[in-house]
Amino acid sequence: MDRNILRACREDPRRTSTDIQISVTSPNEPCAIEKDLEDVCKLLDCTDEDQSKNHSYAPQYQCPTVKHGGGSVMVWGCFCDTSMGPLKKIVKTMDRYVYKDILENTMRPWVRANLGRSWVFQQDNDPKHTSSHVANWFRRRRVDLLEWPRQSPDLNPIEHMWEELERRLKGVRASNANQKFAQLEAAWKSIPMTVVQTLLDSMSRRCQAVIDAKGYPTKY
């Protein structure tokens, strides 16, 4: 059985375990080869010199996966009362260092060109946002932050903007992540200022509702 599995893997390294199971077993034979498959995959992958260090499968035995119709991407965006801000594609894992880099090299240049000196930045209490690394950046750049209750998604209009973006791309498919980002960016830029203004007009009501609820959930 091991030899049959190994032969099937070498003939086509990207075959799934289900396909291999079907090819090496007869209809009347019990399907109890999951452990064998795992062992053989590890044996095959030992040709990768880093296998003993990081326990990751070698590239030749991996199948690329694409989500959401052909392109799965993570993005960061912002907006103000005069325009939609930049939409930034996040290539690495979003941590405090990546977030600080976005603030410095994406958000700040856009703000300086569009808002001047008097403005307030809004973010939630995500650990990345409130880390000392990012807090130091806000102090150094003298950025005013909107005071935020410990747990209150009610104050975040960006969530409604993400929903608007999703509606605009409903049913639109992409063949890869780059195409997906291009679609997201085009749709983001096409969001009319009437949508932005409606969200911003709701902020005073949102704040009052959160104050009245003493930080607990509101209708927003």
N, C-alpha and C. Protein backbone atom coordinates (compact mmCIF):
# COMPACT_ATOMS: atom_id res chain seq x y z
N MET A 1 0.82 -1.20 0.00
CA MET A 1 0.00 0.00 0.00
C MET A 1 0.86 1.25 0.00
N ASP A 2 1.93 1.24 0.83
CA ASP A 2 2.83 2.40 0.88
C ASP A 2 3.45 2.66 -0.48
N ARG A 3 3.88 1.57 -1.15
CA ARG A 3 4.52 1.74 -2.46
C ARG A 3 3.52 2.29 -3.47
N ASN A 4 2.28 1.81 -3.42
CA ASN A 4 1.25 2.31 -4.34
C ASN A 4 0.97 3.79 -4.12
N ILE A 5 0.90 4.18 -2.84
CA ILE A 5 0.65 5.59 -2.53
C ILE A 5 1.82 6.45 -3.00
N LEU A 6 3.05 5.98 -2.73
CA LEU A 6 4.24 6.73 -3.12
C LEU A 6 4.31 6.89 -4.63
N ARG A 7 3.98 5.81 -5.36
CA ARG A 7 3.98 5.87 -6.82
C ARG A 7 2.95 6.88 -7.33
N ALA A 8 1.75 6.86 -6.74
CA ALA A 8 0.70 7.78 -7.15
C ALA A 8 1.10 9.23 -6.89
N CYS A 9 1.76 9.47 -5.75
CA CYS A 9 2.20 10.83 -5.43
C CYS A 9 3.26 11.32 -6.40
N ARG A 10 4.18 10.44 -6.76
CA ARG A 10 5.27 10.85 -7.65
C ARG A 10 4.78 11.07 -9.07
N GLU A 11 3.79 10.30 -9.48
CA GLU A 11 3.24 10.48 -10.82
C GLU A 11 2.58 11.84 -10.97
N ASP A 12 1.90 12.26 -9.92
CA ASP A 12 1.25 13.58 -9.94
C ASP A 12 1.31 14.16 -8.52
N PRO A 13 2.34 14.95 -8.22
CA PRO A 13 2.54 15.44 -6.85
C PRO A 13 1.39 16.25 -6.29
N ARG A 14 0.52 16.77 -7.15
CA ARG A 14 -0.55 17.64 -6.66
C ARG A 14 -1.92 16.96 -6.59
N ARG A 15 -1.90 15.64 -6.68
CA ARG A 15 -3.16 14.92 -6.51
C ARG A 15 -3.62 15.01 -5.06
N THR A 16 -4.92 15.09 -4.86
CA THR A 16 -5.45 15.16 -3.50
C THR A 16 -5.42 13.79 -2.86
N SER A 17 -5.49 13.76 -1.53
CA SER A 17 -5.48 12.49 -0.81
C SER A 17 -6.69 11.64 -1.18
N THR A 18 -7.83 12.31 -1.46
CA THR A 18 -9.04 11.57 -1.86
C THR A 18 -8.83 10.86 -3.18
N ASP A 19 -8.22 11.56 -4.15
CA ASP A 19 -7.96 10.94 -5.45
C ASP A 19 -7.00 9.76 -5.32
N ILE A 20 -5.98 9.92 -4.51
CA ILE A 20 -5.01 8.84 -4.33
C ILE A 20 -5.66 7.65 -3.64
N GLN A 21 -6.50 7.94 -2.66
CA GLN A 21 -7.19 6.87 -1.95
C GLN A 21 -8.02 6.02 -2.91
N ILE A 22 -8.73 6.70 -3.82
CA ILE A 22 -9.56 5.99 -4.81
C ILE A 22 -8.70 5.16 -5.74
N SER A 23 -7.54 5.72 -6.13
CA SER A 23 -6.71 5.02 -7.11
C SER A 23 -5.99 3.80 -6.55
N VAL A 24 -5.74 3.76 -5.25
CA VAL A 24 -4.95 2.66 -4.69
C VAL A 24 -5.78 1.66 -3.90
N THR A 25 -7.09 1.86 -3.83
CA THR A 25 -7.95 0.92 -3.11
C THR A 25 -9.03 0.40 -4.04
N SER A 26 -9.49 -0.80 -3.75
CA SER A 26 -10.58 -1.38 -4.53
C SER A 26 -11.89 -1.01 -3.85
N PRO A 27 -13.02 -1.09 -4.57
CA PRO A 27 -14.32 -0.72 -3.98
C PRO A 27 -14.66 -1.49 -2.72
N ASN A 28 -14.16 -2.73 -2.58
CA ASN A 28 -14.50 -3.54 -1.42
C ASN A 28 -13.47 -3.48 -0.31
N GLU A 29 -12.43 -2.67 -0.52
CA GLU A 29 -11.36 -2.60 0.47
C GLU A 29 -11.63 -1.46 1.44
N PRO A 30 -11.44 -1.67 2.73
CA PRO A 30 -11.68 -0.58 3.69
C PRO A 30 -10.76 0.60 3.44
N CYS A 31 -11.31 1.81 3.59
CA CYS A 31 -10.56 3.03 3.34
C CYS A 31 -9.88 3.48 4.63
N ALA A 32 -8.75 2.84 4.94
CA ALA A 32 -8.06 3.16 6.19
C ALA A 32 -6.61 3.48 5.91
N ILE A 33 -6.41 4.41 5.00
CA ILE A 33 -5.04 4.71 4.59
C ILE A 33 -4.64 6.14 4.91
N GLU A 34 -5.42 6.83 5.74
CA GLU A 34 -5.10 8.22 6.04
C GLU A 34 -3.72 8.36 6.69
N LYS A 35 -3.41 7.45 7.62
CA LYS A 35 -2.11 7.51 8.28
C LYS A 35 -1.00 7.23 7.30
N ASP A 36 -1.23 6.28 6.38
CA ASP A 36 -0.23 5.97 5.38
C ASP A 36 0.04 7.20 4.51
N LEU A 37 -1.03 7.88 4.11
CA LEU A 37 -0.88 9.07 3.27
C LEU A 37 -0.06 10.14 3.99
N GLU A 38 -0.34 10.32 5.26
CA GLU A 38 0.38 11.32 6.02
C GLU A 38 1.86 10.98 6.09
N ASP A 39 2.16 9.70 6.36
CA ASP A 39 3.55 9.27 6.47
C ASP A 39 4.28 9.43 5.15
N VAL A 40 3.60 9.08 4.05
CA VAL A 40 4.24 9.17 2.74
C VAL A 40 4.47 10.62 2.36
N CYS A 41 3.51 11.48 2.67
CA CYS A 41 3.67 12.90 2.38
C CYS A 41 4.88 13.46 3.12
N LYS A 42 5.07 13.03 4.37
CA LYS A 42 6.22 13.48 5.13
C LYS A 42 7.51 12.95 4.50
N LEU A 43 7.47 11.69 4.03
CA LEU A 43 8.64 11.09 3.41
C LEU A 43 9.01 11.84 2.14
N LEU A 44 8.00 12.12 1.32
CA LEU A 44 8.23 12.86 0.08
C LEU A 44 8.81 14.23 0.37
N ASP A 45 8.29 14.88 1.38
CA ASP A 45 8.66 16.25 1.66
C ASP A 45 10.03 16.36 2.30
N CYS A 46 10.64 15.25 2.71
CA CYS A 46 11.96 15.32 3.31
C CYS A 46 13.01 15.71 2.28
N THR A 47 12.65 15.75 0.99
CA THR A 47 13.58 16.24 -0.01
C THR A 47 13.79 17.73 0.16
N ASP A 48 12.90 18.42 0.87
CA ASP A 48 13.07 19.82 1.20
C ASP A 48 14.01 19.92 2.40
N GLU A 49 15.13 20.65 2.23
CA GLU A 49 16.14 20.70 3.29
C GLU A 49 15.61 21.36 4.56
N ASP A 50 14.61 22.22 4.44
CA ASP A 50 14.09 22.93 5.60
C ASP A 50 12.97 22.17 6.30
N GLN A 51 12.65 20.97 5.84
CA GLN A 51 11.52 20.24 6.40
C GLN A 51 11.66 20.02 7.90
N SER A 52 12.86 19.66 8.34
CA SER A 52 13.04 19.37 9.76
C SER A 52 12.93 20.62 10.61
N LYS A 53 13.00 21.81 9.98
CA LYS A 53 12.97 23.05 10.73
C LYS A 53 11.57 23.64 10.82
N ASN A 54 10.88 23.68 9.68
CA ASN A 54 9.60 24.40 9.69
C ASN A 54 8.38 23.54 9.43
N HIS A 55 8.57 22.26 9.16
CA HIS A 55 7.46 21.32 9.01
C HIS A 55 6.46 21.77 7.94
N SER A 56 6.92 22.43 6.89
CA SER A 56 6.02 22.84 5.81
C SER A 56 6.26 21.96 4.59
N TYR A 57 5.21 21.70 3.84
CA TYR A 57 5.34 20.84 2.68
C TYR A 57 6.09 21.55 1.56
N ALA A 58 6.89 20.79 0.82
CA ALA A 58 7.65 21.37 -0.28
C ALA A 58 6.71 21.91 -1.36
N PRO A 59 7.11 22.98 -2.06
CA PRO A 59 6.24 23.63 -3.04
C PRO A 59 5.70 22.70 -4.11
N GLN A 60 6.52 21.72 -4.55
CA GLN A 60 6.06 20.85 -5.63
C GLN A 60 4.90 19.95 -5.21
N TYR A 61 4.63 19.87 -3.90
CA TYR A 61 3.52 19.04 -3.45
C TYR A 61 2.36 19.88 -2.92
N GLN A 62 2.35 21.16 -3.29
CA GLN A 62 1.28 22.03 -2.83
C GLN A 62 0.41 22.48 -3.99
N CYS A 63 -0.88 22.62 -3.73
CA CYS A 63 -1.82 23.17 -4.71
C CYS A 63 -2.20 24.58 -4.26
N PRO A 64 -2.01 25.58 -5.12
CA PRO A 64 -2.43 26.93 -4.73
C PRO A 64 -3.93 27.00 -4.62
N THR A 65 -4.42 27.67 -3.59
CA THR A 65 -5.86 27.82 -3.42
C THR A 65 -6.22 29.29 -3.54
N VAL A 66 -7.36 29.57 -4.14
CA VAL A 66 -7.83 30.93 -4.35
C VAL A 66 -9.24 31.03 -3.81
N LYS A 67 -9.48 32.02 -2.97
CA LYS A 67 -10.78 32.17 -2.34
C LYS A 67 -11.60 33.27 -3.01
N HIS A 68 -12.89 33.26 -2.70
CA HIS A 68 -13.80 34.31 -3.15
C HIS A 68 -13.77 34.49 -4.66
N GLY A 69 -13.90 33.39 -5.38
CA GLY A 69 -14.04 33.49 -6.82
C GLY A 69 -12.76 33.84 -7.54
N GLY A 70 -11.62 33.67 -6.93
CA GLY A 70 -10.39 33.87 -7.67
C GLY A 70 -9.44 34.88 -7.08
N GLY A 71 -9.78 35.56 -6.03
CA GLY A 71 -8.83 36.51 -5.48
C GLY A 71 -9.17 36.89 -4.06
N SER A 72 -8.39 36.46 -3.11
CA SER A 72 -8.65 36.79 -1.72
C SER A 72 -7.58 37.77 -1.25
N VAL A 73 -7.99 38.97 -0.87
CA VAL A 73 -7.04 39.98 -0.44
C VAL A 73 -7.53 40.66 0.84
N MET A 74 -6.59 41.19 1.60
CA MET A 74 -6.92 42.00 2.77
C MET A 74 -6.56 43.44 2.45
N VAL A 75 -7.44 44.36 2.81
CA VAL A 75 -7.20 45.76 2.49
C VAL A 75 -7.42 46.65 3.71
N TRP A 76 -6.82 47.83 3.68
CA TRP A 76 -7.04 48.88 4.67
C TRP A 76 -7.50 50.11 3.91
N GLY A 77 -8.48 50.81 4.46
CA GLY A 77 -8.97 52.01 3.78
C GLY A 77 -9.39 53.07 4.76
N CYS A 78 -9.53 54.29 4.29
CA CYS A 78 -10.01 55.39 5.11
C CYS A 78 -10.77 56.37 4.22
N PHE A 79 -11.54 57.25 4.85
CA PHE A 79 -12.24 58.29 4.10
C PHE A 79 -12.47 59.47 5.02
N CYS A 80 -12.83 60.60 4.42
CA CYS A 80 -13.14 61.80 5.19
C CYS A 80 -14.35 62.48 4.55
N ASP A 81 -14.67 63.68 5.01
CA ASP A 81 -15.88 64.34 4.53
C ASP A 81 -15.73 64.94 3.14
N THR A 82 -14.51 64.91 2.58
CA THR A 82 -14.31 65.49 1.26
C THR A 82 -13.97 64.48 0.18
N SER A 83 -13.49 63.31 0.57
CA SER A 83 -13.10 62.33 -0.46
C SER A 83 -12.89 60.94 0.14
N MET A 84 -12.93 59.97 -0.75
CA MET A 84 -12.54 58.62 -0.36
C MET A 84 -11.03 58.58 -0.29
N GLY A 85 -10.51 57.98 0.76
CA GLY A 85 -9.07 57.90 0.91
C GLY A 85 -8.48 56.73 0.14
N PRO A 86 -7.20 56.46 0.33
CA PRO A 86 -6.55 55.35 -0.37
C PRO A 86 -7.03 54.00 0.14
N LEU A 87 -6.98 53.02 -0.73
CA LEU A 87 -7.24 51.63 -0.34
C LEU A 87 -5.91 50.90 -0.47
N LYS A 88 -5.43 50.39 0.63
CA LYS A 88 -4.10 49.79 0.68
C LYS A 88 -4.19 48.28 0.73
N LYS A 89 -3.51 47.62 -0.18
CA LYS A 89 -3.45 46.16 -0.17
C LYS A 89 -2.43 45.71 0.87
N ILE A 90 -2.83 44.79 1.74
CA ILE A 90 -1.96 44.29 2.79
C ILE A 90 -1.37 42.96 2.33
N VAL A 91 -0.08 42.95 2.12
CA VAL A 91 0.59 41.77 1.59
C VAL A 91 0.99 40.83 2.72
N LYS A 92 1.53 41.38 3.79
CA LYS A 92 1.97 40.57 4.92
C LYS A 92 0.84 40.42 5.93
N THR A 93 1.14 39.71 7.00
CA THR A 93 0.19 39.62 8.11
C THR A 93 0.03 41.00 8.74
N MET A 94 -1.21 41.40 9.00
CA MET A 94 -1.47 42.71 9.57
C MET A 94 -1.12 42.69 11.06
N ASP A 95 0.02 43.28 11.41
CA ASP A 95 0.40 43.40 12.81
C ASP A 95 0.68 44.87 13.11
N ARG A 96 1.16 45.18 14.31
CA ARG A 96 1.36 46.57 14.69
C ARG A 96 2.39 47.27 13.82
N TYR A 97 3.37 46.52 13.31
CA TYR A 97 4.40 47.12 12.48
C TYR A 97 3.86 47.47 11.09
N VAL A 98 3.08 46.56 10.54
CA VAL A 98 2.46 46.83 9.24
C VAL A 98 1.47 47.99 9.36
N TYR A 99 0.72 47.98 10.47
CA TYR A 99 -0.26 49.05 10.68
C TYR A 99 0.42 50.41 10.80
N LYS A 100 1.51 50.48 11.57
CA LYS A 100 2.24 51.74 11.71
C LYS A 100 2.80 52.22 10.38
N ASP A 101 3.26 51.27 9.56
CA ASP A 101 3.78 51.61 8.24
C ASP A 101 2.68 52.19 7.35
N ILE A 102 1.47 51.62 7.45
CA ILE A 102 0.35 52.16 6.68
C ILE A 102 0.01 53.58 7.14
N LEU A 103 0.01 53.79 8.43
CA LEU A 103 -0.28 55.12 8.96
C LEU A 103 0.74 56.14 8.46
N GLU A 104 2.00 55.76 8.47
CA GLU A 104 3.07 56.68 8.10
C GLU A 104 3.14 56.93 6.60
N ASN A 105 3.03 55.87 5.81
CA ASN A 105 3.31 55.98 4.38
C ASN A 105 2.09 56.00 3.48
N THR A 106 0.91 55.70 4.03
CA THR A 106 -0.32 55.73 3.23
C THR A 106 -1.30 56.77 3.77
N MET A 107 -1.63 56.65 5.04
CA MET A 107 -2.62 57.56 5.61
C MET A 107 -2.10 58.99 5.75
N ARG A 108 -0.93 59.16 6.34
CA ARG A 108 -0.43 60.50 6.64
C ARG A 108 -0.23 61.38 5.39
N PRO A 109 0.39 60.87 4.31
CA PRO A 109 0.52 61.71 3.12
C PRO A 109 -0.84 62.12 2.54
N TRP A 110 -1.80 61.20 2.57
CA TRP A 110 -3.13 61.52 2.06
C TRP A 110 -3.81 62.58 2.93
N VAL A 111 -3.70 62.44 4.24
CA VAL A 111 -4.30 63.41 5.15
C VAL A 111 -3.69 64.79 4.95
N ARG A 112 -2.38 64.87 4.84
CA ARG A 112 -1.70 66.16 4.68
C ARG A 112 -2.12 66.85 3.39
N ALA A 113 -2.43 66.05 2.38
CA ALA A 113 -2.84 66.63 1.09
C ALA A 113 -4.31 67.01 1.06
N ASN A 114 -5.12 66.40 1.93
CA ASN A 114 -6.57 66.60 1.85
C ASN A 114 -7.20 67.28 3.05
N LEU A 115 -6.60 67.18 4.23
CA LEU A 115 -7.27 67.67 5.43
C LEU A 115 -6.54 68.80 6.15
N GLY A 116 -5.33 69.08 5.78
CA GLY A 116 -4.62 70.14 6.48
C GLY A 116 -4.21 69.73 7.87
N ARG A 117 -4.36 70.65 8.85
CA ARG A 117 -3.86 70.39 10.20
C ARG A 117 -4.95 69.99 11.19
N SER A 118 -6.18 70.41 10.96
CA SER A 118 -7.23 70.18 11.95
C SER A 118 -8.09 68.98 11.56
N TRP A 119 -7.85 67.85 12.22
CA TRP A 119 -8.61 66.64 11.94
C TRP A 119 -8.45 65.65 13.10
N VAL A 120 -9.36 64.71 13.17
CA VAL A 120 -9.35 63.69 14.22
C VAL A 120 -9.37 62.32 13.56
N PHE A 121 -8.51 61.43 14.02
CA PHE A 121 -8.43 60.09 13.44
C PHE A 121 -9.25 59.12 14.28
N GLN A 122 -9.98 58.26 13.58
CA GLN A 122 -10.82 57.28 14.26
C GLN A 122 -10.32 55.87 13.98
N GLN A 123 -10.17 55.10 15.04
CA GLN A 123 -9.84 53.68 14.93
C GLN A 123 -10.47 52.98 16.13
N ASP A 124 -10.57 51.66 16.05
CA ASP A 124 -11.16 50.95 17.19
C ASP A 124 -10.06 50.46 18.12
N ASN A 125 -10.44 49.62 19.08
CA ASN A 125 -9.50 49.18 20.11
C ASN A 125 -8.81 47.86 19.79
N ASP A 126 -8.68 47.56 18.53
CA ASP A 126 -7.92 46.38 18.14
C ASP A 126 -6.52 46.46 18.76
N PRO A 127 -5.99 45.35 19.28
CA PRO A 127 -4.66 45.37 19.92
C PRO A 127 -3.57 45.97 19.04
N LYS A 128 -3.68 45.79 17.74
CA LYS A 128 -2.68 46.38 16.84
C LYS A 128 -2.74 47.91 16.92
N HIS A 129 -3.95 48.43 17.01
CA HIS A 129 -4.15 49.88 17.02
C HIS A 129 -3.70 50.52 18.33
N THR A 130 -3.84 49.80 19.42
CA THR A 130 -3.57 50.37 20.73
C THR A 130 -2.21 49.96 21.29
N SER A 131 -1.42 49.27 20.50
CA SER A 131 -0.09 48.85 20.96
C SER A 131 0.78 50.07 21.24
N SER A 132 1.77 49.89 22.10
CA SER A 132 2.67 51.00 22.42
C SER A 132 3.44 51.46 21.19
N HIS A 133 3.73 50.53 20.30
CA HIS A 133 4.45 50.86 19.06
C HIS A 133 3.66 51.87 18.23
N VAL A 134 2.37 51.65 18.11
CA VAL A 134 1.51 52.56 17.34
C VAL A 134 1.19 53.82 18.15
N ALA A 135 0.96 53.65 19.45
CA ALA A 135 0.67 54.81 20.30
C ALA A 135 1.81 55.81 20.27
N ASN A 136 3.03 55.33 20.24
CA ASN A 136 4.19 56.22 20.16
C ASN A 136 4.19 57.00 18.85
N TRP A 137 3.76 56.32 17.79
CA TRP A 137 3.69 57.01 16.50
C TRP A 137 2.66 58.13 16.55
N PHE A 138 1.49 57.88 17.11
CA PHE A 138 0.46 58.91 17.22
C PHE A 138 0.97 60.11 18.03
N ARG A 139 1.68 59.84 19.12
CA ARG A 139 2.21 60.94 19.93
C ARG A 139 3.27 61.73 19.17
N ARG A 140 4.13 61.02 18.49
CA ARG A 140 5.21 61.67 17.76
C ARG A 140 4.68 62.53 16.62
N ARG A 141 3.62 62.05 15.97
CA ARG A 141 3.03 62.78 14.85
C ARG A 141 1.91 63.73 15.29
N ARG A 142 1.66 63.75 16.58
CA ARG A 142 0.65 64.65 17.17
C ARG A 142 -0.72 64.48 16.50
N VAL A 143 -1.14 63.25 16.42
CA VAL A 143 -2.43 62.91 15.82
C VAL A 143 -3.48 62.84 16.92
N ASP A 144 -4.58 63.57 16.75
CA ASP A 144 -5.68 63.52 17.69
C ASP A 144 -6.54 62.30 17.40
N LEU A 145 -6.82 61.50 18.44
CA LEU A 145 -7.63 60.29 18.29
C LEU A 145 -9.00 60.48 18.90
N LEU A 146 -10.01 59.92 18.25
CA LEU A 146 -11.35 59.93 18.82
C LEU A 146 -11.37 59.00 20.04
N GLU A 147 -11.85 59.51 21.15
CA GLU A 147 -11.95 58.66 22.34
C GLU A 147 -12.90 57.51 22.07
N TRP A 148 -12.49 56.33 22.50
CA TRP A 148 -13.23 55.12 22.12
C TRP A 148 -13.55 54.27 23.35
N PRO A 149 -14.82 53.92 23.56
CA PRO A 149 -15.18 53.02 24.67
C PRO A 149 -14.45 51.69 24.52
N ARG A 150 -14.33 50.98 25.60
CA ARG A 150 -13.56 49.73 25.57
C ARG A 150 -14.08 48.75 24.53
N GLN A 151 -15.40 48.61 24.42
CA GLN A 151 -16.00 47.73 23.41
C GLN A 151 -17.19 48.44 22.79
N SER A 152 -17.00 48.98 21.58
CA SER A 152 -18.10 49.70 20.95
C SER A 152 -17.94 49.77 19.44
N PRO A 153 -18.36 48.72 18.73
CA PRO A 153 -18.33 48.77 17.27
C PRO A 153 -19.34 49.77 16.72
N ASP A 154 -20.25 50.24 17.57
CA ASP A 154 -21.31 51.15 17.13
C ASP A 154 -20.76 52.45 16.55
N LEU A 155 -19.56 52.83 16.94
CA LEU A 155 -18.99 54.10 16.52
C LEU A 155 -18.21 54.02 15.21
N ASN A 156 -18.15 52.88 14.61
CA ASN A 156 -17.25 52.69 13.47
C ASN A 156 -17.97 52.71 12.12
N PRO A 157 -18.04 53.86 11.43
CA PRO A 157 -18.73 53.91 10.14
C PRO A 157 -18.00 53.16 9.03
N ILE A 158 -16.72 52.83 9.25
CA ILE A 158 -15.99 52.09 8.22
C ILE A 158 -16.62 50.73 7.97
N GLU A 159 -17.25 50.16 9.00
CA GLU A 159 -17.90 48.86 8.83
C GLU A 159 -19.02 48.96 7.80
N HIS A 160 -19.75 50.06 7.82
CA HIS A 160 -20.81 50.27 6.82
C HIS A 160 -20.22 50.50 5.44
N MET A 161 -19.04 51.10 5.40
CA MET A 161 -18.38 51.32 4.11
C MET A 161 -17.91 50.00 3.51
N TRP A 162 -17.45 49.07 4.36
CA TRP A 162 -17.07 47.75 3.85
C TRP A 162 -18.29 47.03 3.27
N GLU A 163 -19.43 47.20 3.94
CA GLU A 163 -20.66 46.58 3.44
C GLU A 163 -21.05 47.18 2.09
N GLU A 164 -20.87 48.49 1.95
CA GLU A 164 -21.16 49.16 0.68
C GLU A 164 -20.24 48.63 -0.41
N LEU A 165 -18.98 48.45 -0.09
CA LEU A 165 -18.01 47.93 -1.06
C LEU A 165 -18.39 46.51 -1.47
N GLU A 166 -18.81 45.71 -0.51
CA GLU A 166 -19.20 44.33 -0.79
C GLU A 166 -20.41 44.28 -1.71
N ARG A 167 -21.37 45.17 -1.47
CA ARG A 167 -22.57 45.22 -2.34
C ARG A 167 -22.20 45.57 -3.77
N ARG A 168 -21.26 46.46 -3.94
CA ARG A 168 -20.88 46.89 -5.28
C ARG A 168 -20.13 45.81 -6.06
N LEU A 169 -19.57 44.85 -5.36
CA LEU A 169 -18.83 43.79 -6.03
C LEU A 169 -19.55 42.44 -5.98
N LYS A 170 -20.78 42.46 -5.52
CA LYS A 170 -21.54 41.21 -5.43
C LYS A 170 -21.69 40.58 -6.81
N GLY A 171 -21.30 39.33 -6.92
CA GLY A 171 -21.40 38.62 -8.20
C GLY A 171 -20.24 38.85 -9.14
N VAL A 172 -19.31 39.75 -8.80
CA VAL A 172 -18.15 40.02 -9.65
C VAL A 172 -17.02 39.07 -9.26
N ARG A 173 -16.54 38.31 -10.21
CA ARG A 173 -15.51 37.32 -9.93
C ARG A 173 -14.15 37.80 -10.42
N ALA A 174 -13.11 37.24 -9.85
CA ALA A 174 -11.75 37.56 -10.23
C ALA A 174 -10.95 36.28 -10.39
N SER A 175 -9.96 36.31 -11.27
CA SER A 175 -9.16 35.10 -11.52
C SER A 175 -7.95 35.01 -10.60
N ASN A 176 -7.59 36.13 -9.96
CA ASN A 176 -6.46 36.12 -9.05
C ASN A 176 -6.55 37.29 -8.08
N ALA A 177 -5.65 37.32 -7.12
CA ALA A 177 -5.71 38.34 -6.07
C ALA A 177 -5.45 39.74 -6.61
N ASN A 178 -4.57 39.87 -7.61
CA ASN A 178 -4.29 41.19 -8.17
C ASN A 178 -5.53 41.77 -8.87
N GLN A 179 -6.22 40.92 -9.60
CA GLN A 179 -7.44 41.37 -10.26
C GLN A 179 -8.51 41.73 -9.23
N LYS A 180 -8.59 40.95 -8.17
CA LYS A 180 -9.56 41.24 -7.11
C LYS A 180 -9.28 42.60 -6.48
N PHE A 181 -8.01 42.88 -6.21
CA PHE A 181 -7.68 44.18 -5.62
C PHE A 181 -8.01 45.32 -6.57
N ALA A 182 -7.74 45.13 -7.85
CA ALA A 182 -8.07 46.17 -8.84
C ALA A 182 -9.57 46.45 -8.84
N GLN A 183 -10.37 45.38 -8.72
CA GLN A 183 -11.82 45.54 -8.66
C GLN A 183 -12.24 46.28 -7.39
N LEU A 184 -11.63 45.89 -6.27
CA LEU A 184 -11.93 46.55 -5.00
C LEU A 184 -11.57 48.03 -5.05
N GLU A 185 -10.42 48.34 -5.60
CA GLU A 185 -9.96 49.72 -5.64
C GLU A 185 -10.85 50.58 -6.52
N ALA A 186 -11.26 50.02 -7.68
CA ALA A 186 -12.14 50.77 -8.57
C ALA A 186 -13.50 51.01 -7.92
N ALA A 187 -14.03 49.99 -7.26
CA ALA A 187 -15.32 50.12 -6.59
C ALA A 187 -15.23 51.10 -5.43
N TRP A 188 -14.12 51.07 -4.70
CA TRP A 188 -13.90 51.97 -3.57
C TRP A 188 -13.92 53.43 -4.04
N LYS A 189 -13.22 53.71 -5.12
CA LYS A 189 -13.15 55.07 -5.65
C LYS A 189 -14.48 55.55 -6.21
N SER A 190 -15.35 54.60 -6.58
CA SER A 190 -16.62 54.97 -7.19
C SER A 190 -17.73 55.23 -6.17
N ILE A 191 -17.46 54.97 -4.90
CA ILE A 191 -18.48 55.21 -3.87
C ILE A 191 -18.76 56.70 -3.81
N PRO A 192 -19.99 57.12 -4.00
CA PRO A 192 -20.32 58.56 -4.05
C PRO A 192 -20.20 59.23 -2.69
N MET A 193 -19.96 60.52 -2.69
CA MET A 193 -19.81 61.27 -1.46
C MET A 193 -21.12 61.35 -0.68
N THR A 194 -22.24 61.11 -1.35
CA THR A 194 -23.52 61.10 -0.63
C THR A 194 -23.54 59.98 0.41
N VAL A 195 -22.91 58.84 0.08
CA VAL A 195 -22.81 57.73 1.03
C VAL A 195 -21.92 58.13 2.19
N VAL A 196 -20.79 58.75 1.88
CA VAL A 196 -19.86 59.21 2.90
C VAL A 196 -20.54 60.20 3.83
N GLN A 197 -21.23 61.17 3.25
CA GLN A 197 -21.86 62.22 4.05
C GLN A 197 -22.94 61.66 4.97
N THR A 198 -23.69 60.67 4.47
CA THR A 198 -24.72 60.05 5.29
C THR A 198 -24.11 59.38 6.52
N LEU A 199 -22.99 58.72 6.32
CA LEU A 199 -22.31 58.06 7.45
C LEU A 199 -21.75 59.09 8.43
N LEU A 200 -21.15 60.14 7.90
CA LEU A 200 -20.57 61.15 8.78
C LEU A 200 -21.65 61.93 9.53
N ASP A 201 -22.78 62.15 8.87
CA ASP A 201 -23.88 62.86 9.53
C ASP A 201 -24.42 62.06 10.72
N SER A 202 -24.21 60.74 10.69
CA SER A 202 -24.72 59.90 11.77
C SER A 202 -23.80 59.87 12.98
N MET A 203 -22.59 60.42 12.86
CA MET A 203 -21.61 60.28 13.93
C MET A 203 -22.05 60.93 15.24
N SER A 204 -22.64 62.13 15.18
CA SER A 204 -23.07 62.77 16.42
C SER A 204 -24.15 61.95 17.11
N ARG A 205 -25.04 61.35 16.32
CA ARG A 205 -26.09 60.50 16.89
C ARG A 205 -25.49 59.22 17.46
N ARG A 206 -24.51 58.67 16.77
CA ARG A 206 -23.83 57.47 17.26
C ARG A 206 -23.17 57.73 18.61
N CYS A 207 -22.42 58.83 18.67
CA CYS A 207 -21.72 59.16 19.91
C CYS A 207 -22.70 59.35 21.06
N GLN A 208 -23.80 60.06 20.79
CA GLN A 208 -24.77 60.30 21.84
C GLN A 208 -25.42 59.00 22.29
N ALA A 209 -25.70 58.12 21.34
CA ALA A 209 -26.32 56.84 21.67
C ALA A 209 -25.39 56.00 22.55
N VAL A 210 -24.09 56.01 22.25
CA VAL A 210 -23.13 55.25 23.05
C VAL A 210 -23.00 55.85 24.45
N ILE A 211 -23.03 57.19 24.53
CA ILE A 211 -22.97 57.86 25.84
C ILE A 211 -24.20 57.49 26.67
N ASP A 212 -25.37 57.54 26.02
CA ASP A 212 -26.61 57.21 26.72
C ASP A 212 -26.61 55.76 27.19
N ALA A 213 -26.02 54.87 26.39
CA ALA A 213 -25.98 53.44 26.73
C ALA A 213 -24.79 53.09 27.61
N LYS A 214 -24.01 54.12 27.98
CA LYS A 214 -22.83 53.94 28.85
C LYS A 214 -21.86 52.90 28.27
N GLY A 215 -21.70 52.95 26.95
CA GLY A 215 -20.75 52.07 26.29
C GLY A 215 -21.30 50.74 25.86
N TYR A 216 -22.53 50.44 26.22
CA TYR A 216 -23.14 49.17 25.82
C TYR A 216 -23.71 49.28 24.40
N PRO A 217 -24.10 48.17 23.78
CA PRO A 217 -24.57 48.18 22.40
C PRO A 217 -25.74 49.13 22.16
N THR A 218 -25.77 49.70 20.96
CA THR A 218 -26.85 50.59 20.55
C THR A 218 -27.44 50.05 19.25
N LYS A 219 -28.37 50.77 18.68
CA LYS A 219 -29.00 50.34 17.42
C LYS A 219 -28.03 50.40 16.25
N TYR A 220 -26.92 51.09 16.42
CA TYR A 220 -25.94 51.21 15.35
C TYR A 220 -25.01 50.01 15.30
